[in-house]
Amino acid sequence: CFEVFEHVFNIEEVLAELYRVLKPNGRLLISIPFAWDEHEIPYDFARYTSFGITHILNINNFEVIKLTKTTTYILAVFQMLIAYLYQYALPKGRLFGRVSQLLVIFPLNLLALFFNALLPKRYEYFCNNVVLATKVEAKPI
């Protein structure tokens, strides 16, 4: 389930259905954005921290096996800058769009990789969570 949960207002109902259709000990693989602009407006309802999605999965009878944040703090900051420039500031079109990507976006990506290698890795700000969880036996109520 990739990049879907932020569009789901009734997450517990969706998780109950996923639980129902998974085999015993079945696995669930999801990715969800944390730092990203609103999209598919007005159907963009939620952003989940790593703690929030773990809690929601746990109370719905899933156990998180592995949770990975896809970017470091530095890479997320650069990603947001690049997304902003690409969407709102750089020229569009076949020729000017490609030239701006070459002259602006590409160097910013290299700069992001340089700073990411140079500075301490921090993960409190990130772009996405990727979560692998397993279905566990439902706890009696």
C-alpha atoms as a PDB file:
ATOM      1  CA  CYS A   1       0.000   0.000   0.000  1.00  0.00           C
ATOM      2  CA  PHE A   2       2.204   2.833  -1.277  1.00  0.00           C
ATOM      3  CA  GLU A   3       1.394   6.495  -0.660  1.00  0.00           C
ATOM      4  CA  VAL A   4      -2.258   5.777   0.150  1.00  0.00           C
ATOM      5  CA  PHE A   5      -2.789   6.118   3.914  1.00  0.00           C
ATOM      6  CA  GLU A   6      -2.544   9.923   3.824  1.00  0.00           C
ATOM      7  CA  HIS A   7      -5.678   9.884   1.667  1.00  0.00           C
ATOM      8  CA  VAL A   8      -7.641   7.643   4.010  1.00  0.00           C
ATOM      9  CA  PHE A   9      -9.857   9.348   6.562  1.00  0.00           C
ATOM     10  CA  ASN A  10     -11.052   6.084   8.128  1.00  0.00           C
ATOM     11  CA  ILE A  11      -7.660   4.399   8.635  1.00  0.00           C
ATOM     12  CA  GLU A  12      -8.894   1.930  11.250  1.00  0.00           C
ATOM     13  CA  GLU A  13     -11.567   0.569   8.896  1.00  0.00           C
ATOM     14  CA  VAL A  14      -8.976   0.133   6.157  1.00  0.00           C
ATOM     15  CA  LEU A  15      -6.582  -1.627   8.514  1.00  0.00           C
ATOM     16  CA  ALA A  16      -9.392  -3.917   9.709  1.00  0.00           C
ATOM     17  CA  GLU A  17     -10.032  -4.933   6.093  1.00  0.00           C
ATOM     18  CA  LEU A  18      -6.324  -5.460   5.414  1.00  0.00           C
ATOM     19  CA  TYR A  19      -6.173  -7.590   8.556  1.00  0.00           C
ATOM     20  CA  ARG A  20      -9.184  -9.601   7.385  1.00  0.00           C
ATOM     21  CA  VAL A  21      -7.768 -10.445   3.953  1.00  0.00           C
ATOM     22  CA  LEU A  22      -4.212 -11.235   5.050  1.00  0.00           C
ATOM     23  CA  LYS A  23      -3.318 -14.824   5.840  1.00  0.00           C
ATOM     24  CA  PRO A  24      -2.165 -15.629   9.389  1.00  0.00           C
ATOM     25  CA  ASN A  25       1.287 -14.079   9.849  1.00  0.00           C
ATOM     26  CA  GLY A  26       0.752 -12.258   6.536  1.00  0.00           C
ATOM     27  CA  ARG A  27       2.849  -9.190   5.886  1.00  0.00           C
ATOM     28  CA  LEU A  28       1.853  -5.651   5.073  1.00  0.00           C
ATOM     29  CA  LEU A  29       4.224  -3.295   3.232  1.00  0.00           C
ATOM     30  CA  ILE A  30       3.316   0.382   3.229  1.00  0.00           C
ATOM     31  CA  SER A  31       4.931   3.707   2.471  1.00  0.00           C
ATOM     32  CA  ILE A  32       3.539   6.968   3.752  1.00  0.00           C
ATOM     33  CA  PRO A  33       4.722  10.551   3.367  1.00  0.00           C
ATOM     34  CA  PHE A  34       5.732  12.677   6.296  1.00  0.00           C
ATOM     35  CA  ALA A  35       7.248  15.825   4.811  1.00  0.00           C
ATOM     36  CA  TRP A  36       5.522  16.572   1.542  1.00  0.00           C
ATOM     37  CA  ASP A  37       3.121  19.141   0.174  1.00  0.00           C
ATOM     38  CA  GLU A  38      -0.618  18.630   0.184  1.00  0.00           C
ATOM     39  CA  HIS A  39      -1.675  16.791  -2.944  1.00  0.00           C
ATOM     40  CA  GLU A  40      -4.826  15.371  -4.496  1.00  0.00           C
ATOM     41  CA  ILE A  41      -6.578  18.185  -2.670  1.00  0.00           C
ATOM     42  CA  PRO A  42      -8.979  17.998  -0.847  1.00  0.00           C
ATOM     43  CA  TYR A  43      -8.297  14.279  -0.245  1.00  0.00           C
ATOM     44  CA  ASP A  44      -5.029  14.578   1.657  1.00  0.00           C
ATOM     45  CA  PHE A  45      -5.884  13.950   5.309  1.00  0.00           C
ATOM     46  CA  ALA A  46      -2.882  12.849   7.347  1.00  0.00           C
ATOM     47  CA  ARG A  47       0.832  12.700   7.897  1.00  0.00           C
ATOM     48  CA  TYR A  48       2.156  10.054  10.270  1.00  0.00           C
ATOM     49  CA  THR A  49       5.257  10.161  12.395  1.00  0.00           C
ATOM     50  CA  SER A  50       7.116   6.887  12.803  1.00  0.00           C
ATOM     51  CA  PHE A  51       5.651   6.640  16.311  1.00  0.00           C
ATOM     52  CA  GLY A  52       2.140   7.428  15.108  1.00  0.00           C
ATOM     53  CA  ILE A  53       2.019   4.794  12.381  1.00  0.00           C
ATOM     54  CA  THR A  54       3.582   2.203  14.696  1.00  0.00           C
ATOM     55  CA  HIS A  55       0.899   2.924  17.316  1.00  0.00           C
ATOM     56  CA  ILE A  56      -1.933   2.762  14.779  1.00  0.00           C
ATOM     57  CA  LEU A  57      -0.649  -0.525  13.374  1.00  0.00           C
ATOM     58  CA  ASN A  58      -0.169  -2.022  16.850  1.00  0.00           C
ATOM     59  CA  ILE A  59      -3.684  -1.217  18.048  1.00  0.00           C
ATOM     60  CA  ASN A  60      -5.012  -2.786  14.839  1.00  0.00           C
ATOM     61  CA  ASN A  61      -3.218  -6.102  15.400  1.00  0.00           C
ATOM     62  CA  PHE A  62      -0.119  -5.564  13.299  1.00  0.00           C
ATOM     63  CA  GLU A  63       3.427  -5.741  14.571  1.00  0.00           C
ATOM     64  CA  VAL A  64       6.042  -3.554  12.916  1.00  0.00           C
ATOM     65  CA  ILE A  65       8.953  -5.685  11.768  1.00  0.00           C
ATOM     66  CA  LYS A  66      10.926  -2.855  10.204  1.00  0.00           C
ATOM     67  CA  LEU A  67      10.400   0.868   9.762  1.00  0.00           C
ATOM     68  CA  THR A  68      12.723   2.899   7.563  1.00  0.00           C
ATOM     69  CA  LYS A  69      12.783   6.650   7.076  1.00  0.00           C
ATOM     70  CA  THR A  70      13.693   7.210   3.441  1.00  0.00           C
ATOM     71  CA  THR A  71      15.751  10.351   3.889  1.00  0.00           C
ATOM     72  CA  THR A  72      17.900  12.114   6.423  1.00  0.00           C
ATOM     73  CA  TYR A  73      17.084  15.606   7.685  1.00  0.00           C
ATOM     74  CA  ILE A  74      19.449  17.207   5.158  1.00  0.00           C
ATOM     75  CA  LEU A  75      18.121  15.203   2.204  1.00  0.00           C
ATOM     76  CA  ALA A  76      14.521  16.005   3.164  1.00  0.00           C
ATOM     77  CA  VAL A  77      15.248  19.744   3.348  1.00  0.00           C
ATOM     78  CA  PHE A  78      16.888  19.683  -0.084  1.00  0.00           C
ATOM     79  CA  GLN A  79      14.068  17.527  -1.481  1.00  0.00           C
ATOM     80  CA  MET A  80      11.491  20.059  -0.329  1.00  0.00           C
ATOM     81  CA  LEU A  81      13.522  22.931  -1.820  1.00  0.00           C
ATOM     82  CA  ILE A  82      13.901  21.099  -5.120  1.00  0.00           C
ATOM     83  CA  ALA A  83      10.190  20.236  -5.215  1.00  0.00           C
ATOM     84  CA  TYR A  84       9.299  23.874  -4.553  1.00  0.00           C
ATOM     85  CA  LEU A  85      11.643  25.210  -7.235  1.00  0.00           C
ATOM     86  CA  TYR A  86      10.529  22.626  -9.770  1.00  0.00           C
ATOM     87  CA  GLN A  87       6.840  23.260  -9.180  1.00  0.00           C
ATOM     88  CA  TYR A  88       6.729  27.022  -8.627  1.00  0.00           C
ATOM     89  CA  ALA A  89       9.917  28.802  -9.645  1.00  0.00           C
ATOM     90  CA  LEU A  90      11.686  27.159 -12.557  1.00  0.00           C
ATOM     91  CA  PRO A  91      10.638  27.560 -16.173  1.00  0.00           C
ATOM     92  CA  LYS A  92       8.468  24.893 -17.740  1.00  0.00           C
ATOM     93  CA  GLY A  93       8.506  23.573 -21.251  1.00  0.00           C
ATOM     94  CA  ARG A  94      10.576  21.163 -23.206  1.00  0.00           C
ATOM     95  CA  LEU A  95      13.733  23.235 -23.674  1.00  0.00           C
ATOM     96  CA  PHE A  96      13.724  25.633 -20.710  1.00  0.00           C
ATOM     97  CA  GLY A  97      12.477  22.951 -18.330  1.00  0.00           C
ATOM     98  CA  ARG A  98      15.312  20.587 -19.212  1.00  0.00           C
ATOM     99  CA  VAL A  99      17.936  23.327 -19.104  1.00  0.00           C
ATOM    100  CA  SER A 100      16.721  24.436 -15.657  1.00  0.00           C
ATOM    101  CA  GLN A 101      16.857  20.841 -14.433  1.00  0.00           C
ATOM    102  CA  LEU A 102      20.421  20.547 -15.650  1.00  0.00           C
ATOM    103  CA  LEU A 103      21.556  23.924 -14.284  1.00  0.00           C
ATOM    104  CA  VAL A 104      19.554  23.997 -11.012  1.00  0.00           C
ATOM    105  CA  ILE A 105      18.077  20.648  -9.979  1.00  0.00           C
ATOM    106  CA  PHE A 106      21.104  18.485 -10.759  1.00  0.00           C
ATOM    107  CA  PRO A 107      23.583  20.706  -8.849  1.00  0.00           C
ATOM    108  CA  LEU A 108      21.179  20.908  -5.885  1.00  0.00           C
ATOM    109  CA  ASN A 109      21.019  17.113  -5.783  1.00  0.00           C
ATOM    110  CA  LEU A 110      24.809  16.929  -5.763  1.00  0.00           C
ATOM    111  CA  LEU A 111      24.957  19.566  -3.030  1.00  0.00           C
ATOM    112  CA  ALA A 112      22.421  17.595  -0.986  1.00  0.00           C
ATOM    113  CA  LEU A 113      24.518  14.433  -1.281  1.00  0.00           C
ATOM    114  CA  PHE A 114      27.662  16.368  -0.333  1.00  0.00           C
ATOM    115  CA  PHE A 115      26.113  17.904   2.791  1.00  0.00           C
ATOM    116  CA  ASN A 116      24.485  14.611   3.703  1.00  0.00           C
ATOM    117  CA  ALA A 117      27.895  12.906   3.612  1.00  0.00           C
ATOM    118  CA  LEU A 118      29.569  15.735   5.519  1.00  0.00           C
ATOM    119  CA  LEU A 119      27.071  16.469   8.294  1.00  0.00           C
ATOM    120  CA  PRO A 120      25.807  14.174  11.071  1.00  0.00           C
ATOM    121  CA  LYS A 121      22.881  11.986  10.037  1.00  0.00           C
ATOM    122  CA  ARG A 122      19.622  13.025  11.700  1.00  0.00           C
ATOM    123  CA  TYR A 123      16.261  11.387  11.047  1.00  0.00           C
ATOM    124  CA  GLU A 124      13.733  13.546  12.920  1.00  0.00           C
ATOM    125  CA  TYR A 125      12.711  15.231   9.665  1.00  0.00           C
ATOM    126  CA  PHE A 126      12.261  12.920   6.686  1.00  0.00           C
ATOM    127  CA  CYS A 127      10.195  12.505   3.533  1.00  0.00           C
ATOM    128  CA  ASN A 128       8.641   9.041   3.873  1.00  0.00           C
ATOM    129  CA  ASN A 129       8.212   6.061   6.164  1.00  0.00           C
ATOM    130  CA  VAL A 130       8.435   2.601   4.660  1.00  0.00           C
ATOM    131  CA  VAL A 131       6.940   0.041   7.021  1.00  0.00           C
ATOM    132  CA  LEU A 132       6.940  -3.733   6.979  1.00  0.00           C
ATOM    133  CA  ALA A 133       4.453  -5.173   9.449  1.00  0.00           C
ATOM    134  CA  THR A 134       3.018  -8.575  10.136  1.00  0.00           C
ATOM    135  CA  LYS A 135      -0.468  -9.653  11.071  1.00  0.00           C
ATOM    136  CA  VAL A 136      -0.617 -10.926  14.647  1.00  0.00           C
ATOM    137  CA  GLU A 137      -3.384 -12.807  16.380  1.00  0.00           C
ATOM    138  CA  ALA A 138      -6.152 -10.430  17.424  1.00  0.00           C
ATOM    139  CA  LYS A 139      -6.113  -9.595  21.097  1.00  0.00           C
ATOM    140  CA  PRO A 140      -9.369 -10.417  22.933  1.00  0.00           C
ATOM    141  CA  ILE A 141     -11.417  -7.382  23.867  1.00  0.00           C
END
